[in-house]
Amino acid sequence: MPQARLAKHATCNTGFEVDLLCVALDAKAIPYLVRGMNRGMDGAGYQGVIPGGIDVLVPEDALEAARSVLASHLEPG
């Protein structure tokens, strides 16, 4: 089975931001991979900003759909 090529969808500053984004991607059945240091329930990501951030990657063919999900969650109201 060929592997999907991944593209960076977003870089989040905290573990909380990552979780919010991943829940939104899950709701639209968009697969993702989270990559970064200090990621985890007890990691530094829940204590404030993580230097370098945490990347959320999605398959290249789902990038536009993932961007729509992110944009809809950034709109006020």
C-alpha atoms as a PDB file:
ATOM      1  CA  MET A   1       0.000   0.000   0.000  1.00  0.00           C
ATOM      2  CA  PRO A   2       1.528   3.371  -0.963  1.00  0.00           C
ATOM      3  CA  GLN A   3       2.002   5.868   1.832  1.00  0.00           C
ATOM      4  CA  ALA A   4       0.387   9.284   1.589  1.00  0.00           C
ATOM      5  CA  ARG A   5       2.704  12.276   1.356  1.00  0.00           C
ATOM      6  CA  LEU A   6       2.210  14.586   4.330  1.00  0.00           C
ATOM      7  CA  ALA A   7       2.114  18.370   4.311  1.00  0.00           C
ATOM      8  CA  LYS A   8       2.330  20.755   7.251  1.00  0.00           C
ATOM      9  CA  HIS A   9      -1.140  22.065   7.972  1.00  0.00           C
ATOM     10  CA  ALA A  10      -0.405  24.177  11.044  1.00  0.00           C
ATOM     11  CA  THR A  11       2.083  24.864  13.812  1.00  0.00           C
ATOM     12  CA  CYS A  12       0.428  25.264  17.191  1.00  0.00           C
ATOM     13  CA  ASN A  13       1.952  26.956  20.211  1.00  0.00           C
ATOM     14  CA  THR A  14       0.382  24.821  22.950  1.00  0.00           C
ATOM     15  CA  GLY A  15      -0.895  21.312  23.452  1.00  0.00           C
ATOM     16  CA  PHE A  16      -4.375  22.719  23.995  1.00  0.00           C
ATOM     17  CA  GLU A  17      -4.371  24.338  20.532  1.00  0.00           C
ATOM     18  CA  VAL A  18      -3.259  21.025  19.013  1.00  0.00           C
ATOM     19  CA  ASP A  19      -6.090  19.172  20.723  1.00  0.00           C
ATOM     20  CA  LEU A  20      -8.687  21.679  19.496  1.00  0.00           C
ATOM     21  CA  LEU A  21      -7.435  21.415  15.929  1.00  0.00           C
ATOM     22  CA  CYS A  22      -7.277  17.616  16.020  1.00  0.00           C
ATOM     23  CA  VAL A  23     -10.857  17.351  17.308  1.00  0.00           C
ATOM     24  CA  ALA A  24     -11.993  19.541  14.411  1.00  0.00           C
ATOM     25  CA  LEU A  25     -10.059  17.413  11.903  1.00  0.00           C
ATOM     26  CA  ASP A  26     -11.505  14.229  13.425  1.00  0.00           C
ATOM     27  CA  ALA A  27     -15.012  15.638  13.027  1.00  0.00           C
ATOM     28  CA  LYS A  28     -14.401  15.959   9.268  1.00  0.00           C
ATOM     29  CA  ALA A  29     -12.642  12.541   9.057  1.00  0.00           C
ATOM     30  CA  ILE A  30      -9.366  14.168   7.997  1.00  0.00           C
ATOM     31  CA  PRO A  31      -6.374  12.064   9.085  1.00  0.00           C
ATOM     32  CA  TYR A  32      -3.460  13.843  10.741  1.00  0.00           C
ATOM     33  CA  LEU A  33      -0.095  13.321  12.390  1.00  0.00           C
ATOM     34  CA  VAL A  34       1.114  15.412  15.327  1.00  0.00           C
ATOM     35  CA  ARG A  35       4.861  16.042  15.505  1.00  0.00           C
ATOM     36  CA  GLY A  36       6.788  17.983  18.112  1.00  0.00           C
ATOM     37  CA  MET A  37       8.735  17.951  21.325  1.00  0.00           C
ATOM     38  CA  ASN A  38       7.037  17.956  24.725  1.00  0.00           C
ATOM     39  CA  ARG A  39       3.794  16.588  23.332  1.00  0.00           C
ATOM     40  CA  GLY A  40       1.698  14.608  25.747  1.00  0.00           C
ATOM     41  CA  MET A  41      -0.770  14.869  28.562  1.00  0.00           C
ATOM     42  CA  ASP A  42       1.895  15.638  31.154  1.00  0.00           C
ATOM     43  CA  GLY A  43       4.273  17.498  28.848  1.00  0.00           C
ATOM     44  CA  ALA A  44       5.242  21.139  28.818  1.00  0.00           C
ATOM     45  CA  GLY A  45       2.602  21.836  26.165  1.00  0.00           C
ATOM     46  CA  TYR A  46      -0.050  22.108  28.846  1.00  0.00           C
ATOM     47  CA  GLN A  47       2.004  24.511  30.928  1.00  0.00           C
ATOM     48  CA  GLY A  48       2.360  27.269  28.349  1.00  0.00           C
ATOM     49  CA  VAL A  49       3.910  28.039  24.990  1.00  0.00           C
ATOM     50  CA  ILE A  50       6.230  25.415  23.511  1.00  0.00           C
ATOM     51  CA  PRO A  51       9.350  26.825  21.852  1.00  0.00           C
ATOM     52  CA  GLY A  52       9.311  25.692  18.232  1.00  0.00           C
ATOM     53  CA  GLY A  53       5.654  24.697  18.430  1.00  0.00           C
ATOM     54  CA  ILE A  54       3.931  21.455  17.516  1.00  0.00           C
ATOM     55  CA  ASP A  55       3.263  20.648  13.864  1.00  0.00           C
ATOM     56  CA  VAL A  56       0.033  19.100  12.635  1.00  0.00           C
ATOM     57  CA  LEU A  57       0.479  17.318   9.308  1.00  0.00           C
ATOM     58  CA  VAL A  58      -2.208  16.018   6.967  1.00  0.00           C
ATOM     59  CA  PRO A  59      -2.084  14.077   3.687  1.00  0.00           C
ATOM     60  CA  GLU A  60      -1.335  16.393   0.770  1.00  0.00           C
ATOM     61  CA  ASP A  61      -4.649  15.544  -0.887  1.00  0.00           C
ATOM     62  CA  ALA A  62      -6.535  16.641   2.267  1.00  0.00           C
ATOM     63  CA  LEU A  63      -4.660  19.913   2.774  1.00  0.00           C
ATOM     64  CA  GLU A  64      -7.327  22.199   1.303  1.00  0.00           C
ATOM     65  CA  ALA A  65     -10.077  20.545   3.347  1.00  0.00           C
ATOM     66  CA  ALA A  66      -7.935  20.868   6.485  1.00  0.00           C
ATOM     67  CA  ARG A  67      -7.351  24.561   5.759  1.00  0.00           C
ATOM     68  CA  SER A  68     -11.111  25.064   5.482  1.00  0.00           C
ATOM     69  CA  VAL A  69     -11.576  23.431   8.882  1.00  0.00           C
ATOM     70  CA  LEU A  70      -8.955  25.707  10.425  1.00  0.00           C
ATOM     71  CA  ALA A  71     -10.398  28.830   8.779  1.00  0.00           C
ATOM     72  CA  SER A  72     -13.895  28.019  10.008  1.00  0.00           C
ATOM     73  CA  HIS A  73     -12.624  27.788  13.586  1.00  0.00           C
ATOM     74  CA  LEU A  74     -10.749  31.085  13.344  1.00  0.00           C
ATOM     75  CA  GLU A  75     -13.785  33.085  12.214  1.00  0.00           C
ATOM     76  CA  PRO A  76     -15.224  35.270  14.977  1.00  0.00           C
ATOM     77  CA  GLY A  77     -18.622  34.452  16.381  1.00  0.00           C
END
